[in-house]
Amino acid sequence: MTTTPKIVILLLVLAPLLMAGGGKNCPGVPWLGAVAACRKASGTKLIYDLCIRTMREDGVDMSPSHKKEVTAYAILAAQDATNSYDRTMLAASNQLEQNASLPGRVRDAYEGCLNDYTPAEDSLDRAVEKMKSGCDFAGLADLYLSGMTSLDSCRGRLVALKYSTPVSPMVLVDRQRVSLAYMLAKLLGI
């Protein structure tokens, strides 16, 4: 057998294994198991538990021997956060459209939140695209921080109401989800 066919066979055998790892091999980006990535990214038990739950819900192999480039986990968490954003925006929109008895202050807060969520979601979408497109993570932290600032603006509107609304806990969950996504992205060296 010549050298070329041996290389081709080797590549055919190794390619699925490398792809199963889910990484792009970005320089300096660690490969970790999901639990290890959650542990390393989480500063609190709340965020750690959210991380583990997010990984499990998205079907990530939780065994210690299954390692992926951390980028894969950061993308997964960011996409999970944008899905949560969509649910929150839908709930706020439904309240505005279907709840005729919604007080004016709450209506104003919800409308403001919808305006706040648009740039928050755009920032996170851009962060995901940046992570998917290559290994240049310059500006990634700014995208996350911009999105978190927009969510904090919405949260401020709801806190100013001085009582909880159906959307209030959803906004808190969104802030936790984007915090998790940011903490996992920080493992990329941003």
N, C-alpha and C. Protein backbone atom coordinates (compact mmCIF):
# COMPACT_ATOMS: atom_id res chain seq x y z
N MET A 1 0.86 -1.18 0.00
CA MET A 1 0.00 0.00 0.00
C MET A 1 0.90 1.23 0.00
N THR A 2 0.60 2.18 -0.85
CA THR A 2 1.41 3.40 -0.92
C THR A 2 1.03 4.33 0.21
N THR A 3 1.82 5.37 0.40
CA THR A 3 1.60 6.32 1.49
C THR A 3 0.29 7.08 1.33
N THR A 4 -0.06 7.49 0.12
CA THR A 4 -1.27 8.28 -0.10
C THR A 4 -2.53 7.55 0.35
N PRO A 5 -2.75 6.29 -0.04
CA PRO A 5 -3.95 5.60 0.45
C PRO A 5 -3.97 5.44 1.97
N LYS A 6 -2.80 5.26 2.60
CA LYS A 6 -2.74 5.14 4.06
C LYS A 6 -3.21 6.44 4.71
N ILE A 7 -2.78 7.55 4.15
CA ILE A 7 -3.18 8.86 4.69
C ILE A 7 -4.67 9.07 4.51
N VAL A 8 -5.18 8.71 3.35
CA VAL A 8 -6.61 8.86 3.09
C VAL A 8 -7.41 8.01 4.07
N ILE A 9 -6.99 6.78 4.28
CA ILE A 9 -7.70 5.90 5.22
C ILE A 9 -7.63 6.47 6.63
N LEU A 10 -6.45 6.96 7.02
CA LEU A 10 -6.29 7.57 8.34
C LEU A 10 -7.22 8.77 8.50
N LEU A 11 -7.29 9.61 7.48
CA LEU A 11 -8.17 10.78 7.53
C LEU A 11 -9.64 10.37 7.61
N LEU A 12 -10.01 9.34 6.87
CA LEU A 12 -11.39 8.87 6.90
C LEU A 12 -11.76 8.33 8.28
N VAL A 13 -10.81 7.72 8.95
CA VAL A 13 -11.06 7.19 10.29
C VAL A 13 -11.08 8.32 11.32
N LEU A 14 -10.15 9.26 11.22
CA LEU A 14 -10.03 10.32 12.22
C LEU A 14 -11.04 11.45 12.05
N ALA A 15 -11.47 11.72 10.83
CA ALA A 15 -12.38 12.85 10.60
C ALA A 15 -13.64 12.78 11.45
N PRO A 16 -14.35 11.65 11.49
CA PRO A 16 -15.55 11.61 12.34
C PRO A 16 -15.23 11.82 13.82
N LEU A 17 -14.08 11.32 14.25
CA LEU A 17 -13.71 11.49 15.65
C LEU A 17 -13.45 12.96 15.97
N LEU A 18 -12.77 13.64 15.08
CA LEU A 18 -12.51 15.06 15.29
C LEU A 18 -13.79 15.87 15.23
N MET A 19 -14.66 15.52 14.29
CA MET A 19 -15.92 16.24 14.16
C MET A 19 -16.81 15.98 15.36
N ALA A 20 -16.77 14.77 15.91
CA ALA A 20 -17.57 14.46 17.09
C ALA A 20 -17.14 15.31 18.27
N GLY A 21 -15.85 15.66 18.30
CA GLY A 21 -15.37 16.55 19.34
C GLY A 21 -15.97 17.93 19.22
N GLY A 22 -16.42 18.31 18.04
CA GLY A 22 -17.14 19.54 17.83
C GLY A 22 -16.29 20.79 17.81
N GLY A 23 -14.99 20.66 17.56
CA GLY A 23 -14.16 21.84 17.68
C GLY A 23 -13.56 22.29 16.38
N LYS A 24 -13.10 23.55 16.43
CA LYS A 24 -12.44 24.14 15.28
C LYS A 24 -10.93 24.19 15.49
N ASN A 25 -10.49 23.81 16.68
CA ASN A 25 -9.08 23.89 17.04
C ASN A 25 -8.57 25.31 17.02
N CYS A 26 -9.26 26.19 17.68
CA CYS A 26 -8.80 27.57 17.82
C CYS A 26 -7.64 27.59 18.80
N PRO A 27 -6.56 28.26 18.44
CA PRO A 27 -5.39 28.31 19.34
C PRO A 27 -5.76 28.90 20.70
N GLY A 28 -5.32 28.22 21.74
CA GLY A 28 -5.51 28.71 23.10
C GLY A 28 -6.88 28.43 23.70
N VAL A 29 -7.78 27.87 22.93
CA VAL A 29 -9.12 27.57 23.45
C VAL A 29 -9.12 26.14 23.99
N PRO A 30 -9.48 25.97 25.26
CA PRO A 30 -9.40 24.64 25.86
C PRO A 30 -10.49 23.69 25.35
N TRP A 31 -10.17 22.42 25.44
CA TRP A 31 -11.12 21.35 25.19
C TRP A 31 -11.47 20.78 26.57
N LEU A 32 -12.75 20.75 26.90
CA LEU A 32 -13.20 20.28 28.21
C LEU A 32 -14.43 19.42 28.06
N GLY A 33 -14.69 18.63 29.07
CA GLY A 33 -15.98 17.96 29.17
C GLY A 33 -17.02 18.99 29.60
N ALA A 34 -18.27 18.69 29.40
CA ALA A 34 -19.34 19.66 29.71
C ALA A 34 -19.35 20.03 31.19
N VAL A 35 -19.21 19.05 32.06
CA VAL A 35 -19.23 19.32 33.50
C VAL A 35 -18.05 20.21 33.89
N ALA A 36 -16.88 19.89 33.35
CA ALA A 36 -15.69 20.69 33.65
C ALA A 36 -15.85 22.12 33.14
N ALA A 37 -16.44 22.28 31.95
CA ALA A 37 -16.67 23.63 31.40
C ALA A 37 -17.64 24.40 32.30
N CYS A 38 -18.69 23.74 32.75
CA CYS A 38 -19.66 24.39 33.64
C CYS A 38 -18.99 24.79 34.95
N ARG A 39 -18.19 23.90 35.48
CA ARG A 39 -17.50 24.19 36.75
C ARG A 39 -16.57 25.39 36.60
N LYS A 40 -15.82 25.38 35.50
CA LYS A 40 -14.83 26.44 35.27
C LYS A 40 -15.49 27.79 34.98
N ALA A 41 -16.64 27.78 34.33
CA ALA A 41 -17.31 29.02 33.94
C ALA A 41 -18.19 29.60 35.05
N SER A 42 -18.59 28.78 36.00
CA SER A 42 -19.60 29.20 36.97
C SER A 42 -18.97 29.73 38.25
N GLY A 43 -19.44 30.88 38.66
CA GLY A 43 -18.99 31.46 39.92
C GLY A 43 -19.96 31.19 41.06
N THR A 44 -21.16 30.73 40.72
CA THR A 44 -22.17 30.46 41.73
C THR A 44 -22.84 29.12 41.44
N LYS A 45 -23.47 28.57 42.47
CA LYS A 45 -24.20 27.31 42.30
C LYS A 45 -25.37 27.50 41.33
N LEU A 46 -26.01 28.65 41.38
CA LEU A 46 -27.13 28.93 40.48
C LEU A 46 -26.71 28.82 39.02
N ILE A 47 -25.59 29.46 38.67
CA ILE A 47 -25.12 29.43 37.29
C ILE A 47 -24.60 28.03 36.93
N TYR A 48 -23.94 27.37 37.87
CA TYR A 48 -23.47 26.00 37.61
C TYR A 48 -24.66 25.08 37.31
N ASP A 49 -25.68 25.15 38.15
CA ASP A 49 -26.86 24.30 37.94
C ASP A 49 -27.54 24.62 36.61
N LEU A 50 -27.62 25.91 36.28
CA LEU A 50 -28.20 26.31 35.00
C LEU A 50 -27.37 25.76 33.85
N CYS A 51 -26.07 25.81 33.99
CA CYS A 51 -25.17 25.30 32.95
C CYS A 51 -25.39 23.80 32.73
N ILE A 52 -25.39 23.04 33.81
CA ILE A 52 -25.60 21.60 33.71
C ILE A 52 -26.96 21.30 33.08
N ARG A 53 -27.99 22.00 33.55
CA ARG A 53 -29.34 21.79 33.00
C ARG A 53 -29.39 22.13 31.51
N THR A 54 -28.74 23.22 31.12
CA THR A 54 -28.72 23.63 29.71
C THR A 54 -28.04 22.56 28.86
N MET A 55 -26.92 22.08 29.33
CA MET A 55 -26.19 21.05 28.58
C MET A 55 -27.04 19.78 28.43
N ARG A 56 -27.64 19.36 29.52
CA ARG A 56 -28.47 18.13 29.47
C ARG A 56 -29.67 18.31 28.54
N GLU A 57 -30.34 19.46 28.66
CA GLU A 57 -31.52 19.69 27.83
C GLU A 57 -31.19 19.72 26.35
N ASP A 58 -29.96 20.12 26.03
CA ASP A 58 -29.54 20.17 24.63
C ASP A 58 -28.83 18.90 24.18
N GLY A 59 -28.88 17.86 25.02
CA GLY A 59 -28.38 16.55 24.62
C GLY A 59 -26.87 16.41 24.60
N VAL A 60 -26.16 17.24 25.35
CA VAL A 60 -24.71 17.15 25.40
C VAL A 60 -24.30 15.90 26.18
N ASP A 61 -23.31 15.20 25.66
CA ASP A 61 -22.75 14.03 26.35
C ASP A 61 -22.03 14.54 27.60
N MET A 62 -22.48 14.14 28.77
CA MET A 62 -21.96 14.66 30.03
C MET A 62 -20.80 13.83 30.60
N SER A 63 -20.40 12.79 29.89
CA SER A 63 -19.32 11.95 30.42
C SER A 63 -18.00 12.72 30.39
N PRO A 64 -17.16 12.53 31.41
CA PRO A 64 -15.90 13.26 31.50
C PRO A 64 -14.96 13.01 30.31
N SER A 65 -15.08 11.84 29.71
CA SER A 65 -14.18 11.52 28.59
C SER A 65 -14.59 12.22 27.29
N HIS A 66 -15.82 12.73 27.23
CA HIS A 66 -16.29 13.41 26.02
C HIS A 66 -15.95 14.90 26.12
N LYS A 67 -14.94 15.31 25.38
CA LYS A 67 -14.48 16.70 25.45
C LYS A 67 -14.76 17.40 24.13
N LYS A 68 -15.09 18.67 24.25
CA LYS A 68 -15.31 19.53 23.09
C LYS A 68 -14.54 20.82 23.30
N GLU A 69 -14.27 21.47 22.18
CA GLU A 69 -13.71 22.80 22.31
C GLU A 69 -14.77 23.67 22.99
N VAL A 70 -14.35 24.47 23.94
CA VAL A 70 -15.29 25.26 24.75
C VAL A 70 -16.19 26.15 23.88
N THR A 71 -15.73 26.49 22.69
CA THR A 71 -16.54 27.29 21.77
C THR A 71 -17.91 26.65 21.55
N ALA A 72 -17.95 25.33 21.44
CA ALA A 72 -19.22 24.63 21.20
C ALA A 72 -20.20 24.87 22.35
N TYR A 73 -19.69 24.85 23.58
CA TYR A 73 -20.55 25.08 24.74
C TYR A 73 -20.99 26.54 24.80
N ALA A 74 -20.10 27.45 24.46
CA ALA A 74 -20.44 28.88 24.47
C ALA A 74 -21.52 29.17 23.43
N ILE A 75 -21.41 28.57 22.27
CA ILE A 75 -22.43 28.75 21.23
C ILE A 75 -23.76 28.18 21.70
N LEU A 76 -23.73 26.99 22.26
CA LEU A 76 -24.95 26.35 22.74
C LEU A 76 -25.65 27.23 23.78
N ALA A 77 -24.90 27.76 24.75
CA ALA A 77 -25.49 28.60 25.80
C ALA A 77 -26.03 29.90 25.23
N ALA A 78 -25.33 30.48 24.27
CA ALA A 78 -25.81 31.72 23.65
C ALA A 78 -27.10 31.47 22.86
N GLN A 79 -27.15 30.37 22.15
CA GLN A 79 -28.38 30.04 21.41
C GLN A 79 -29.53 29.75 22.36
N ASP A 80 -29.23 29.10 23.47
CA ASP A 80 -30.26 28.85 24.49
C ASP A 80 -30.79 30.17 25.04
N ALA A 81 -29.89 31.13 25.26
CA ALA A 81 -30.31 32.44 25.76
C ALA A 81 -31.19 33.16 24.74
N THR A 82 -30.84 33.08 23.46
CA THR A 82 -31.68 33.76 22.45
C THR A 82 -33.05 33.09 22.35
N ASN A 83 -33.11 31.77 22.52
CA ASN A 83 -34.41 31.10 22.53
C ASN A 83 -35.25 31.58 23.72
N SER A 84 -34.60 31.76 24.85
CA SER A 84 -35.29 32.28 26.03
C SER A 84 -35.76 33.72 25.79
N TYR A 85 -34.92 34.52 25.14
CA TYR A 85 -35.31 35.89 24.78
C TYR A 85 -36.61 35.86 23.96
N ASP A 86 -36.65 34.95 22.98
CA ASP A 86 -37.83 34.87 22.12
C ASP A 86 -39.09 34.56 22.93
N ARG A 87 -38.97 33.65 23.89
CA ARG A 87 -40.13 33.31 24.73
C ARG A 87 -40.57 34.51 25.56
N THR A 88 -39.61 35.27 26.07
CA THR A 88 -39.94 36.45 26.88
C THR A 88 -40.60 37.52 26.02
N MET A 89 -40.06 37.76 24.84
CA MET A 89 -40.64 38.77 23.96
C MET A 89 -42.05 38.37 23.53
N LEU A 90 -42.25 37.08 23.29
CA LEU A 90 -43.58 36.59 22.93
C LEU A 90 -44.56 36.80 24.09
N ALA A 91 -44.12 36.51 25.30
CA ALA A 91 -44.99 36.70 26.48
C ALA A 91 -45.35 38.16 26.65
N ALA A 92 -44.37 39.05 26.50
CA ALA A 92 -44.65 40.49 26.63
C ALA A 92 -45.59 40.96 25.52
N SER A 93 -45.35 40.50 24.31
CA SER A 93 -46.22 40.87 23.18
C SER A 93 -47.64 40.37 23.40
N ASN A 94 -47.76 39.13 23.86
CA ASN A 94 -49.09 38.58 24.12
C ASN A 94 -49.83 39.37 25.20
N GLN A 95 -49.11 39.77 26.24
CA GLN A 95 -49.73 40.59 27.29
C GLN A 95 -50.22 41.91 26.70
N LEU A 96 -49.41 42.53 25.87
CA LEU A 96 -49.79 43.81 25.27
C LEU A 96 -51.01 43.65 24.34
N GLU A 97 -51.06 42.57 23.60
CA GLU A 97 -52.13 42.37 22.63
C GLU A 97 -53.41 41.81 23.24
N GLN A 98 -53.27 40.95 24.26
CA GLN A 98 -54.43 40.21 24.73
C GLN A 98 -54.95 40.62 26.10
N ASN A 99 -54.22 41.44 26.81
CA ASN A 99 -54.64 41.83 28.16
C ASN A 99 -55.09 43.29 28.16
N ALA A 100 -56.36 43.50 27.90
CA ALA A 100 -56.90 44.85 27.81
C ALA A 100 -56.84 45.58 29.16
N SER A 101 -56.80 44.83 30.25
CA SER A 101 -56.78 45.47 31.58
C SER A 101 -55.36 45.78 32.07
N LEU A 102 -54.37 45.59 31.22
CA LEU A 102 -52.98 45.86 31.59
C LEU A 102 -52.83 47.35 31.92
N PRO A 103 -52.39 47.68 33.14
CA PRO A 103 -52.23 49.09 33.51
C PRO A 103 -51.25 49.81 32.58
N GLY A 104 -51.44 51.09 32.40
CA GLY A 104 -50.62 51.90 31.50
C GLY A 104 -49.13 51.82 31.81
N ARG A 105 -48.77 51.84 33.11
CA ARG A 105 -47.35 51.77 33.47
C ARG A 105 -46.74 50.44 33.06
N VAL A 106 -47.51 49.37 33.22
CA VAL A 106 -47.01 48.04 32.84
C VAL A 106 -46.91 47.96 31.32
N ARG A 107 -47.91 48.48 30.65
CA ARG A 107 -47.90 48.50 29.19
C ARG A 107 -46.65 49.24 28.69
N ASP A 108 -46.37 50.40 29.28
CA ASP A 108 -45.18 51.18 28.89
C ASP A 108 -43.90 50.40 29.16
N ALA A 109 -43.85 49.73 30.31
CA ALA A 109 -42.66 48.94 30.66
C ALA A 109 -42.46 47.80 29.66
N TYR A 110 -43.53 47.11 29.31
CA TYR A 110 -43.43 46.01 28.35
C TYR A 110 -42.99 46.51 26.98
N GLU A 111 -43.56 47.62 26.55
CA GLU A 111 -43.16 48.18 25.25
C GLU A 111 -41.68 48.57 25.28
N GLY A 112 -41.25 49.17 26.39
CA GLY A 112 -39.84 49.51 26.53
C GLY A 112 -38.96 48.27 26.52
N CYS A 113 -39.43 47.22 27.19
CA CYS A 113 -38.66 45.97 27.22
C CYS A 113 -38.54 45.36 25.82
N LEU A 114 -39.60 45.41 25.05
CA LEU A 114 -39.51 44.89 23.69
C LEU A 114 -38.45 45.66 22.91
N ASN A 115 -38.39 46.98 23.13
CA ASN A 115 -37.36 47.79 22.47
C ASN A 115 -35.97 47.45 23.01
N ASP A 116 -35.87 47.11 24.29
CA ASP A 116 -34.58 46.73 24.87
C ASP A 116 -34.13 45.36 24.38
N TYR A 117 -35.07 44.46 24.19
CA TYR A 117 -34.72 43.09 23.81
C TYR A 117 -34.21 43.00 22.38
N THR A 118 -34.65 43.89 21.52
CA THR A 118 -34.22 43.83 20.12
C THR A 118 -32.69 43.95 20.01
N PRO A 119 -32.06 44.99 20.60
CA PRO A 119 -30.59 45.03 20.50
C PRO A 119 -29.91 43.94 21.32
N ALA A 120 -30.54 43.49 22.40
CA ALA A 120 -29.96 42.41 23.20
C ALA A 120 -29.86 41.14 22.36
N GLU A 121 -30.93 40.83 21.66
CA GLU A 121 -30.94 39.63 20.83
C GLU A 121 -29.99 39.79 19.65
N ASP A 122 -29.96 40.97 19.07
CA ASP A 122 -29.05 41.22 17.95
C ASP A 122 -27.60 41.03 18.39
N SER A 123 -27.25 41.53 19.56
CA SER A 123 -25.87 41.37 20.06
C SER A 123 -25.52 39.90 20.24
N LEU A 124 -26.44 39.15 20.81
CA LEU A 124 -26.17 37.73 21.03
C LEU A 124 -26.11 36.95 19.71
N ASP A 125 -26.98 37.29 18.77
CA ASP A 125 -26.91 36.65 17.46
C ASP A 125 -25.57 36.92 16.79
N ARG A 126 -25.08 38.14 16.90
CA ARG A 126 -23.78 38.49 16.31
C ARG A 126 -22.65 37.75 17.03
N ALA A 127 -22.77 37.57 18.33
CA ALA A 127 -21.76 36.82 19.08
C ALA A 127 -21.70 35.37 18.60
N VAL A 128 -22.88 34.77 18.41
CA VAL A 128 -22.93 33.38 17.92
C VAL A 128 -22.28 33.29 16.54
N GLU A 129 -22.63 34.21 15.65
CA GLU A 129 -22.05 34.18 14.30
C GLU A 129 -20.53 34.35 14.34
N LYS A 130 -20.06 35.20 15.23
CA LYS A 130 -18.62 35.42 15.36
C LYS A 130 -17.93 34.13 15.83
N MET A 131 -18.52 33.44 16.80
CA MET A 131 -17.92 32.20 17.29
C MET A 131 -17.97 31.10 16.24
N LYS A 132 -19.04 31.06 15.46
CA LYS A 132 -19.18 30.02 14.44
C LYS A 132 -18.25 30.26 13.25
N SER A 133 -17.92 31.52 12.99
CA SER A 133 -17.19 31.85 11.76
C SER A 133 -15.68 31.69 11.85
N GLY A 134 -15.14 31.55 13.02
CA GLY A 134 -13.69 31.39 13.09
C GLY A 134 -13.17 31.54 14.51
N CYS A 135 -11.90 31.88 14.59
CA CYS A 135 -11.23 31.94 15.88
C CYS A 135 -10.87 33.36 16.31
N ASP A 136 -11.36 34.35 15.59
CA ASP A 136 -11.11 35.74 15.97
C ASP A 136 -12.24 36.18 16.90
N PHE A 137 -11.94 36.25 18.18
CA PHE A 137 -12.96 36.58 19.17
C PHE A 137 -12.88 38.04 19.61
N ALA A 138 -12.14 38.86 18.87
CA ALA A 138 -12.05 40.29 19.21
C ALA A 138 -13.44 40.91 19.17
N GLY A 139 -13.78 41.66 20.18
CA GLY A 139 -15.08 42.33 20.24
C GLY A 139 -16.19 41.47 20.80
N LEU A 140 -15.91 40.20 21.05
CA LEU A 140 -16.96 39.29 21.53
C LEU A 140 -17.48 39.70 22.90
N ALA A 141 -16.58 40.07 23.80
CA ALA A 141 -17.01 40.49 25.14
C ALA A 141 -17.92 41.70 25.05
N ASP A 142 -17.61 42.64 24.16
CA ASP A 142 -18.45 43.83 24.00
C ASP A 142 -19.86 43.48 23.54
N LEU A 143 -19.98 42.47 22.68
CA LEU A 143 -21.31 42.05 22.23
C LEU A 143 -22.13 41.52 23.40
N TYR A 144 -21.50 40.68 24.23
CA TYR A 144 -22.21 40.15 25.40
C TYR A 144 -22.59 41.27 26.36
N LEU A 145 -21.64 42.15 26.64
CA LEU A 145 -21.90 43.22 27.61
C LEU A 145 -22.98 44.19 27.10
N SER A 146 -22.98 44.44 25.81
CA SER A 146 -24.03 45.29 25.23
C SER A 146 -25.40 44.65 25.40
N GLY A 147 -25.47 43.35 25.14
CA GLY A 147 -26.73 42.63 25.31
C GLY A 147 -27.19 42.62 26.76
N MET A 148 -26.25 42.44 27.68
CA MET A 148 -26.61 42.42 29.10
C MET A 148 -27.09 43.80 29.56
N THR A 149 -26.48 44.84 29.03
CA THR A 149 -26.90 46.20 29.38
C THR A 149 -28.35 46.44 28.93
N SER A 150 -28.68 45.95 27.74
CA SER A 150 -30.06 46.10 27.25
C SER A 150 -31.04 45.35 28.13
N LEU A 151 -30.68 44.13 28.56
CA LEU A 151 -31.55 43.37 29.46
C LEU A 151 -31.70 44.07 30.80
N ASP A 152 -30.60 44.65 31.28
CA ASP A 152 -30.65 45.37 32.55
C ASP A 152 -31.57 46.58 32.47
N SER A 153 -31.64 47.18 31.30
CA SER A 153 -32.54 48.31 31.10
C SER A 153 -33.99 47.85 31.23
N CYS A 154 -34.30 46.71 30.64
CA CYS A 154 -35.65 46.15 30.76
C CYS A 154 -35.94 45.80 32.21
N ARG A 155 -35.00 45.16 32.86
CA ARG A 155 -35.20 44.79 34.26
C ARG A 155 -35.46 46.03 35.11
N GLY A 156 -34.74 47.10 34.83
CA GLY A 156 -34.95 48.35 35.55
C GLY A 156 -36.35 48.89 35.36
N ARG A 157 -36.87 48.77 34.16
CA ARG A 157 -38.25 49.22 33.89
C ARG A 157 -39.24 48.43 34.73
N LEU A 158 -39.01 47.12 34.82
CA LEU A 158 -39.94 46.27 35.56
C LEU A 158 -39.81 46.46 37.07
N VAL A 159 -38.59 46.64 37.55
CA VAL A 159 -38.38 46.89 38.98
C VAL A 159 -39.04 48.20 39.40
N ALA A 160 -39.02 49.19 38.53
CA ALA A 160 -39.62 50.49 38.82
C ALA A 160 -41.13 50.39 39.04
N LEU A 161 -41.74 49.33 38.57
CA LEU A 161 -43.18 49.15 38.77
C LEU A 161 -43.51 48.84 40.23
N LYS A 162 -42.53 48.36 40.98
CA LYS A 162 -42.66 48.05 42.41
C LYS A 162 -43.52 46.80 42.68
N TYR A 163 -43.82 46.02 41.66
CA TYR A 163 -44.49 44.74 41.85
C TYR A 163 -44.12 43.83 40.68
N SER A 164 -44.26 42.55 40.91
CA SER A 164 -43.88 41.58 39.89
C SER A 164 -44.97 41.44 38.84
N THR A 165 -44.55 41.31 37.61
CA THR A 165 -45.47 41.06 36.50
C THR A 165 -45.17 39.65 35.98
N PRO A 166 -46.03 39.11 35.13
CA PRO A 166 -45.75 37.77 34.57
C PRO A 166 -44.42 37.71 33.80
N VAL A 167 -43.97 38.83 33.28
CA VAL A 167 -42.74 38.85 32.48
C VAL A 167 -41.50 39.03 33.37
N SER A 168 -41.66 39.59 34.55
CA SER A 168 -40.51 39.89 35.43
C SER A 168 -39.59 38.69 35.68
N PRO A 169 -40.13 37.53 36.09
CA PRO A 169 -39.23 36.39 36.33
C PRO A 169 -38.57 35.89 35.04
N MET A 170 -39.23 36.06 33.92
CA MET A 170 -38.65 35.63 32.65
C MET A 170 -37.41 36.48 32.32
N VAL A 171 -37.48 37.76 32.62
CA VAL A 171 -36.34 38.65 32.36
C VAL A 171 -35.16 38.26 33.26
N LEU A 172 -35.45 37.90 34.51
CA LEU A 172 -34.38 37.46 35.40
C LEU A 172 -33.72 36.18 34.89
N VAL A 173 -34.52 35.26 34.39
CA VAL A 173 -33.98 34.02 33.83
C VAL A 173 -33.13 34.33 32.60
N ASP A 174 -33.60 35.25 31.76
CA ASP A 174 -32.83 35.63 30.58
C ASP A 174 -31.47 36.20 30.98
N ARG A 175 -31.47 37.01 32.02
CA ARG A 175 -30.21 37.62 32.48
C ARG A 175 -29.26 36.53 32.98
N GLN A 176 -29.81 35.52 33.66
CA GLN A 176 -28.97 34.41 34.11
C GLN A 176 -28.43 33.61 32.92
N ARG A 177 -29.27 33.41 31.93
CA ARG A 177 -28.84 32.64 30.76
C ARG A 177 -27.75 33.36 29.97
N VAL A 178 -27.90 34.66 29.82
CA VAL A 178 -26.86 35.40 29.08
C VAL A 178 -25.59 35.50 29.92
N SER A 179 -25.74 35.54 31.23
CA SER A 179 -24.55 35.53 32.10
C SER A 179 -23.79 34.22 31.94
N LEU A 180 -24.52 33.11 31.91
CA LEU A 180 -23.90 31.81 31.68
C LEU A 180 -23.19 31.80 30.33
N ALA A 181 -23.87 32.27 29.29
CA ALA A 181 -23.27 32.28 27.96
C ALA A 181 -21.98 33.11 27.95
N TYR A 182 -22.01 34.24 28.63
CA TYR A 182 -20.84 35.12 28.72
C TYR A 182 -19.70 34.43 29.47
N MET A 183 -20.03 33.77 30.57
CA MET A 183 -19.00 33.11 31.37
C MET A 183 -18.35 31.96 30.58
N LEU A 184 -19.14 31.23 29.80
CA LEU A 184 -18.56 30.20 28.95
C LEU A 184 -17.71 30.82 27.84
N ALA A 185 -18.16 31.93 27.29
CA ALA A 185 -17.37 32.62 26.25
C ALA A 185 -16.06 33.15 26.82
N LYS A 186 -16.05 33.51 28.09
CA LYS A 186 -14.81 33.98 28.70
C LYS A 186 -13.74 32.89 28.71
N LEU A 187 -14.15 31.64 28.69
CA LEU A 187 -13.19 30.54 28.60
C LEU A 187 -12.45 30.53 27.26
N LEU A 188 -12.96 31.29 26.29
CA LEU A 188 -12.30 31.40 24.99
C LEU A 188 -11.13 32.39 25.06
N GLY A 189 -11.03 33.09 26.18
CA GLY A 189 -9.96 34.05 26.34
C GLY A 189 -10.37 35.47 26.02
N ILE A 190 -11.67 35.74 26.02
CA ILE A 190 -12.11 37.11 25.71
C ILE A 190 -11.98 37.99 26.93
